[in-house]
Amino acid sequence: MKTIQLGNSDLQVSRISLGCMGFGDPRQGQHRWTLDADQTRDILEQALRQGINFFDTALAYQGGTSEQFVGRALKTLAKREDVVVATKFLPRTPEQIQAGVTVSGHIEQMLNQSLENLGMDYVDLYILHRWDASAPLEEIMTGLNRAVTSGKVRYLGISNCYAYQLAKANAVAEQLGVAKFISVQGHYNLIFREEEREMTRLCAEDNIALTPYSALAGGRLAKHPGETSRRLQEDLYVKSKYDSTAEQDARIIRRVAELADQRGVSMTEIALAWLVSKVSTPIVGATKSSQIEGVARAVELELTEAEIRYLEELYQPHRLVGVMAENSGR
């Protein structure tokens, strides 16, 4: 497994990262197709065997049970210093704001809960799960910096923001002399490329790591026409992001399948090889051990410039969906 330095940090991470949204108690969260603790351990063990050392979870995943299952498994499978663990937290709710919960107090509480779930003393990367319009940036960046100076967080990241928001946040951090965001986790794959408008350019210039989620579009880029899976059938949130553009996306997906057949590899390998060529490390989920092998092989697959053009040329602009559709820009 190839590795890369994660943006402006000293973290050395695998070129593929394992997304852990598929792990956790299905009775305690948004999804009903998630894996239990034993199944989670099996996937993590296979990922480690393939050289994957970067694991991305969140406090919001299945009521915190994703963090619990991941932390419990990693404790028995790897030395803490040999893995890079990221987790995420959401901004304050309107009810918390009304109750007078401060930004700094909220960050501390969320971080302590995540560390308890993970059974760890620190996380390598602590990520603001979505843009926080509820407080001045000075308060947010100062509160996050306290998490770093406490020793409980090594580096900071952000998810679901515009390029100008990331640039503004890091400019504020520089003015205050506090920790900046070294990574951004956005929605980016072969059938959703809106990050290329500004975010990819900002990150290239400022050496901010791109660690996109939905690398396989909820499995759509890994399935031939007519194939399905439990997630494709049951994940209503992902369906809300992709169903409206299914017809135009299908033309690109057919090209992924065609190229996979020509190269004698899986569609997963083609789609991820394209994305690996664009970003630091895509976040890829897996619910079967066999999927890990294909994910790992993608790092070794190099597409030609002609193949990349063939995959890209049919793309049409998409409206923002999911969390970014709710980003007010304030």
Protein backbone atom coordinates (compact mmCIF):
# COMPACT_ATOMS: atom_id res chain seq x y z
CA MET A 1 0.00 0.00 0.00
CA LYS A 2 1.35 3.39 -1.00
CA THR A 3 1.26 6.19 1.55
CA ILE A 4 1.18 9.99 1.46
CA GLN A 5 1.82 12.81 3.91
CA LEU A 6 -1.54 14.28 4.87
CA GLY A 7 -1.41 17.94 3.88
CA ASN A 8 0.50 20.21 6.25
CA SER A 9 0.93 17.54 8.91
CA ASP A 10 3.37 14.78 9.77
CA LEU A 11 0.69 12.10 9.43
CA GLN A 12 1.67 9.40 6.94
CA VAL A 13 -1.52 7.77 5.68
CA SER A 14 -2.47 5.05 3.21
CA ARG A 15 -3.65 6.25 -0.21
CA ILE A 16 -7.01 4.64 0.59
CA SER A 17 -8.78 5.35 3.88
CA LEU A 18 -11.47 3.16 5.38
CA GLY A 19 -14.74 4.95 6.03
CA CYS A 20 -16.53 3.58 9.07
CA MET A 21 -20.09 4.80 8.51
CA GLY A 22 -21.07 1.20 7.73
CA PHE A 23 -20.14 0.04 11.23
CA GLY A 24 -22.36 0.31 14.28
CA ASP A 25 -25.55 -0.88 15.91
CA PRO A 26 -28.33 -0.71 13.26
CA ARG A 27 -30.86 -0.04 16.02
CA GLN A 28 -29.17 3.20 17.09
CA GLY A 29 -28.82 5.33 14.01
CA GLN A 30 -29.88 6.42 10.55
CA HIS A 31 -28.94 3.20 8.76
CA ARG A 32 -30.25 -0.36 9.05
CA TRP A 33 -27.55 -2.06 6.98
CA THR A 34 -24.58 -1.44 9.31
CA LEU A 35 -22.28 -4.18 10.65
CA ASP A 36 -22.07 -5.46 14.20
CA ALA A 37 -18.92 -5.47 16.35
CA ASP A 38 -17.61 -8.85 15.15
CA GLN A 39 -18.18 -8.01 11.49
CA THR A 40 -16.52 -4.63 12.01
CA ARG A 41 -13.47 -6.32 13.47
CA ASP A 42 -13.22 -8.65 10.47
CA ILE A 43 -13.27 -5.73 8.02
CA LEU A 44 -10.70 -3.76 10.01
CA GLU A 45 -8.42 -6.78 10.25
CA GLN A 46 -8.55 -7.25 6.49
CA ALA A 47 -7.93 -3.54 5.91
CA LEU A 48 -4.84 -3.60 8.11
CA ARG A 49 -3.57 -6.66 6.23
CA GLN A 50 -3.86 -4.70 2.99
CA GLY A 51 -1.83 -1.83 4.44
CA ILE A 52 -4.70 0.57 5.14
CA ASN A 53 -3.82 2.58 8.26
CA PHE A 54 -6.28 5.50 8.14
CA PHE A 55 -9.75 5.04 9.66
CA ASP A 56 -12.50 7.67 9.50
CA THR A 57 -15.53 7.60 11.79
CA ALA A 58 -17.84 10.13 13.49
CA LEU A 59 -19.70 10.64 16.72
CA ALA A 60 -22.93 10.85 14.70
CA TYR A 61 -22.53 7.41 13.11
CA GLN A 62 -25.09 5.06 14.64
CA GLY A 63 -25.33 6.91 17.92
CA GLY A 64 -21.61 6.63 18.63
CA THR A 65 -21.51 2.85 18.22
CA SER A 66 -19.35 3.13 15.10
CA GLU A 67 -16.66 4.77 17.24
CA GLN A 68 -17.13 2.10 19.90
CA PHE A 69 -16.83 -0.83 17.49
CA VAL A 70 -13.83 0.71 15.69
CA GLY A 71 -11.98 1.59 18.88
CA ARG A 72 -12.59 -1.83 20.41
CA ALA A 73 -11.34 -3.62 17.29
CA LEU A 74 -8.24 -1.47 16.73
CA LYS A 75 -7.20 -1.93 20.34
CA THR A 76 -6.79 -5.66 19.71
CA LEU A 77 -5.54 -5.47 16.13
CA ALA A 78 -2.90 -2.72 16.04
CA LYS A 79 -0.61 -0.53 18.09
CA ARG A 80 -2.10 2.92 18.56
CA GLU A 81 0.91 4.63 16.98
CA ASP A 82 0.57 2.50 13.84
CA VAL A 83 -2.89 3.75 12.90
CA VAL A 84 -4.33 7.16 12.06
CA VAL A 85 -7.80 7.70 13.48
CA ALA A 86 -10.14 10.51 12.46
CA THR A 87 -13.51 11.32 13.95
CA LYS A 88 -16.02 14.11 13.43
CA PHE A 89 -18.41 16.22 15.49
CA LEU A 90 -21.43 18.32 14.59
CA PRO A 91 -21.95 21.99 15.51
CA ARG A 92 -24.21 22.96 18.38
CA THR A 93 -27.94 22.43 17.96
CA PRO A 94 -30.35 25.39 18.26
CA GLU A 95 -31.42 23.95 21.62
CA GLN A 96 -27.83 23.93 22.88
CA ILE A 97 -27.31 27.48 21.72
CA GLN A 98 -30.51 28.55 23.45
CA ALA A 99 -29.32 26.82 26.63
CA GLY A 100 -26.11 28.84 26.58
CA VAL A 101 -23.67 26.07 25.61
CA THR A 102 -20.47 27.76 24.40
CA VAL A 103 -18.56 26.73 21.29
CA SER A 104 -15.50 25.78 23.33
CA GLY A 105 -17.57 23.84 25.86
CA HIS A 106 -19.38 21.99 23.09
CA ILE A 107 -16.16 20.99 21.34
CA GLU A 108 -14.69 19.74 24.61
CA GLN A 109 -17.80 17.73 25.43
CA MET A 110 -18.04 16.16 21.97
CA LEU A 111 -14.34 15.31 21.90
CA ASN A 112 -14.43 13.70 25.34
CA GLN A 113 -17.42 11.61 24.28
CA SER A 114 -15.63 10.44 21.15
CA LEU A 115 -12.47 9.57 23.06
CA GLU A 116 -14.55 7.58 25.54
CA ASN A 117 -16.29 5.73 22.71
CA LEU A 118 -12.99 4.99 20.96
CA GLY A 119 -11.18 4.07 24.17
CA MET A 120 -8.31 6.34 23.14
CA ASP A 121 -6.38 9.22 24.70
CA TYR A 122 -6.24 11.22 21.48
CA VAL A 123 -7.37 11.31 17.86
CA ASP A 124 -5.03 12.09 15.01
CA LEU A 125 -7.54 14.18 13.08
CA TYR A 126 -10.59 15.93 14.56
CA ILE A 127 -13.07 17.07 11.93
CA LEU A 128 -15.85 19.64 12.07
CA HIS A 129 -18.56 17.57 10.37
CA ARG A 130 -20.29 20.49 8.67
CA TRP A 131 -19.85 24.27 8.38
CA ASP A 132 -20.83 26.04 11.59
CA ALA A 133 -22.69 29.30 10.96
CA SER A 134 -23.79 29.64 14.59
CA ALA A 135 -20.75 31.46 15.95
CA PRO A 136 -17.91 33.78 14.91
CA LEU A 137 -14.99 31.98 13.29
CA GLU A 138 -12.70 33.33 15.99
CA GLU A 139 -14.63 31.37 18.62
CA ILE A 140 -14.69 28.19 16.53
CA MET A 141 -10.98 28.21 15.67
CA THR A 142 -10.00 29.13 19.24
CA GLY A 143 -12.15 26.32 20.63
CA LEU A 144 -10.66 23.82 18.20
CA ASN A 145 -7.16 25.02 19.05
CA ARG A 146 -7.80 24.25 22.72
CA ALA A 147 -8.49 20.65 21.70
CA VAL A 148 -5.06 20.56 20.00
CA THR A 149 -3.15 22.20 22.85
CA SER A 150 -4.80 19.81 25.32
CA GLY A 151 -3.01 16.92 23.58
CA LYS A 152 -6.29 15.18 22.77
CA VAL A 153 -6.14 16.12 19.07
CA ARG A 154 -3.13 16.18 16.76
CA TYR A 155 -4.60 17.97 13.73
CA LEU A 156 -7.85 19.58 12.58
CA GLY A 157 -10.02 18.96 9.53
CA ILE A 158 -13.34 20.16 8.17
CA SER A 159 -16.09 18.59 6.10
CA ASN A 160 -18.88 19.93 3.88
CA CYS A 161 -17.79 23.51 3.27
CA TYR A 162 -17.19 25.86 0.36
CA ALA A 163 -13.64 26.72 -0.69
CA TYR A 164 -14.08 30.33 0.44
CA GLN A 165 -15.21 29.14 3.88
CA LEU A 166 -12.13 26.95 4.29
CA ALA A 167 -9.85 29.78 3.13
CA LYS A 168 -11.55 32.24 5.49
CA ALA A 169 -11.32 29.87 8.47
CA ASN A 170 -7.61 29.26 7.92
CA ALA A 171 -6.99 32.99 7.45
CA VAL A 172 -8.64 33.65 10.81
CA ALA A 173 -6.55 30.88 12.39
CA GLU A 174 -3.38 32.43 10.99
CA GLN A 175 -4.33 35.85 12.36
CA LEU A 176 -4.96 34.34 15.79
CA GLY A 177 -1.85 32.15 15.72
CA VAL A 178 -3.87 28.95 16.26
CA ALA A 179 -4.13 25.58 14.52
CA LYS A 180 -5.47 25.55 10.95
CA PHE A 181 -7.48 22.94 9.06
CA ILE A 182 -5.04 20.58 7.32
CA SER A 183 -7.70 18.56 5.48
CA VAL A 184 -11.14 18.86 3.96
CA GLN A 185 -13.64 16.06 3.46
CA GLY A 186 -16.12 16.83 0.70
CA HIS A 187 -18.44 15.04 -1.71
CA TYR A 188 -16.32 14.05 -4.73
CA ASN A 189 -16.36 11.15 -7.18
CA LEU A 190 -16.61 10.47 -10.93
CA ILE A 191 -20.31 11.35 -11.07
CA PHE A 192 -20.14 14.32 -8.68
CA ARG A 193 -17.22 16.62 -9.45
CA GLU A 194 -18.37 20.02 -8.18
CA GLU A 195 -15.32 20.20 -5.88
CA GLU A 196 -13.23 20.83 -9.00
CA ARG A 197 -14.70 24.33 -9.41
CA GLU A 198 -12.65 25.86 -6.58
CA MET A 199 -11.88 23.45 -3.74
CA THR A 200 -9.32 21.30 -5.52
CA ARG A 201 -7.40 24.39 -6.63
CA LEU A 202 -7.35 25.91 -3.16
CA CYS A 203 -6.12 22.66 -1.65
CA ALA A 204 -3.37 22.28 -4.24
CA GLU A 205 -2.10 25.81 -3.60
CA ASP A 206 -2.25 25.62 0.22
CA ASN A 207 -1.26 21.93 0.57
CA ILE A 208 -4.55 21.03 2.24
CA ALA A 209 -5.35 17.33 2.00
CA LEU A 210 -8.44 16.29 0.05
CA THR A 211 -10.07 13.26 1.72
CA PRO A 212 -13.41 12.95 -0.09
CA TYR A 213 -16.33 10.82 1.02
CA SER A 214 -18.81 8.97 -1.22
CA ALA A 215 -15.87 7.83 -3.33
CA LEU A 216 -18.00 5.17 -5.04
CA ALA A 217 -21.26 7.17 -4.97
CA GLY A 218 -22.87 4.86 -2.43
CA GLY A 219 -21.89 1.81 -4.52
CA ARG A 220 -23.17 3.11 -7.85
CA LEU A 221 -19.69 3.30 -9.36
CA ALA A 222 -19.01 -0.30 -8.32
CA LYS A 223 -22.08 -1.97 -9.83
CA HIS A 224 -22.89 -2.95 -13.41
CA PRO A 225 -26.31 -1.87 -14.68
CA GLY A 226 -28.94 -4.06 -13.04
CA GLU A 227 -26.77 -5.09 -10.09
CA THR A 228 -27.87 -4.02 -6.64
CA SER A 229 -27.06 -4.28 -2.95
CA ARG A 230 -28.82 -3.83 0.34
CA ARG A 231 -27.39 -0.35 0.69
CA LEU A 232 -28.47 0.67 -2.81
CA GLN A 233 -31.98 -0.42 -1.93
CA GLU A 234 -32.23 0.88 1.63
CA ASP A 235 -30.02 3.98 1.95
CA LEU A 236 -32.66 6.65 1.38
CA TYR A 237 -30.23 9.48 2.10
CA VAL A 238 -27.85 8.41 -0.65
CA LYS A 239 -30.78 7.83 -3.00
CA SER A 240 -31.84 11.42 -2.40
CA LYS A 241 -28.39 12.55 -3.57
CA TYR A 242 -28.14 10.48 -6.76
CA ASP A 243 -31.57 9.38 -8.01
CA SER A 244 -32.42 12.72 -9.64
CA THR A 245 -29.33 12.54 -11.89
CA ALA A 246 -29.38 8.78 -12.45
CA GLU A 247 -29.92 9.04 -16.21
CA GLN A 248 -26.98 11.36 -16.91
CA ASP A 249 -24.76 9.54 -14.40
CA ALA A 250 -25.54 6.15 -15.99
CA ARG A 251 -23.57 7.11 -19.10
CA ILE A 252 -20.43 7.63 -17.03
CA ILE A 253 -21.05 4.48 -15.00
CA ARG A 254 -21.31 2.49 -18.24
CA ARG A 255 -17.89 3.82 -19.24
CA VAL A 256 -16.46 2.71 -15.89
CA ALA A 257 -17.86 -0.78 -16.55
CA GLU A 258 -16.55 -0.79 -20.11
CA LEU A 259 -13.05 0.25 -19.07
CA ALA A 260 -13.06 -2.28 -16.22
CA ASP A 261 -13.85 -5.06 -18.70
CA GLN A 262 -11.11 -3.87 -21.04
CA ARG A 263 -8.51 -3.77 -18.26
CA GLY A 264 -9.68 -7.00 -16.60
CA VAL A 265 -10.29 -5.28 -13.26
CA SER A 266 -13.31 -4.34 -11.17
CA MET A 267 -15.36 -1.17 -11.55
CA THR A 268 -14.26 -0.29 -8.02
CA GLU A 269 -10.64 -0.28 -9.13
CA ILE A 270 -11.33 1.99 -12.11
CA ALA A 271 -13.43 4.51 -10.16
CA LEU A 272 -10.99 4.66 -7.26
CA ALA A 273 -7.87 4.76 -9.44
CA TRP A 274 -9.34 7.89 -11.05
CA LEU A 275 -10.05 9.46 -7.66
CA VAL A 276 -6.68 8.52 -6.15
CA SER A 277 -5.06 10.41 -9.03
CA LYS A 278 -6.92 13.55 -7.95
CA VAL A 279 -6.81 13.58 -4.12
CA SER A 280 -4.69 12.66 -1.11
CA THR A 281 -6.75 9.72 0.14
CA PRO A 282 -10.39 8.95 -0.62
CA ILE A 283 -12.62 7.68 2.19
CA VAL A 284 -14.03 4.33 1.06
CA GLY A 285 -16.53 2.23 2.96
CA ALA A 286 -16.70 -1.56 2.94
CA THR A 287 -19.17 -4.06 4.35
CA LYS A 288 -17.46 -7.23 3.06
CA SER A 289 -13.88 -8.40 3.48
CA SER A 290 -13.70 -9.16 -0.25
CA GLN A 291 -14.34 -5.49 -1.03
CA ILE A 292 -11.16 -4.47 0.78
CA GLU A 293 -8.95 -6.31 -1.71
CA GLY A 294 -10.42 -4.46 -4.69
CA VAL A 295 -10.13 -1.16 -2.87
CA ALA A 296 -6.45 -1.80 -2.13
CA ARG A 297 -5.70 -2.86 -5.71
CA ALA A 298 -6.99 0.47 -6.99
CA VAL A 299 -3.91 2.20 -5.60
CA GLU A 300 -1.67 0.19 -7.91
CA LEU A 301 -3.78 0.80 -11.03
CA GLU A 302 -2.60 3.69 -13.20
CA LEU A 303 -4.97 5.05 -15.80
CA THR A 304 -3.68 6.59 -19.00
CA GLU A 305 -4.45 10.20 -19.89
CA ALA A 306 -6.74 8.93 -22.64
CA GLU A 307 -8.63 6.72 -20.20
CA ILE A 308 -9.03 9.60 -17.76
CA ARG A 309 -10.41 11.85 -20.52
CA TYR A 310 -12.80 9.06 -21.56
CA LEU A 311 -14.15 8.80 -18.01
CA GLU A 312 -14.46 12.56 -17.55
CA GLU A 313 -15.76 13.93 -20.82
CA LEU A 314 -19.48 13.18 -20.31
CA TYR A 315 -19.76 14.92 -16.95
CA GLN A 316 -22.44 17.61 -16.60
CA PRO A 317 -22.78 20.11 -13.74
CA HIS A 318 -24.77 18.91 -10.74
CA ARG A 319 -26.69 20.91 -8.17
CA LEU A 320 -25.39 20.60 -4.63
CA VAL A 321 -27.02 17.82 -2.64
CA GLY A 322 -26.88 16.37 0.87
CA VAL A 323 -25.31 18.46 3.60
CA MET A 324 -23.83 20.98 1.18
CA ALA A 325 -27.31 21.82 -0.09
CA GLU A 326 -28.05 23.00 3.44
CA ASN A 327 -24.90 25.15 3.71
CA SER A 328 -26.28 28.67 3.94
CA GLY A 329 -22.90 30.28 3.30
CA ARG A 330 -23.30 32.62 6.26
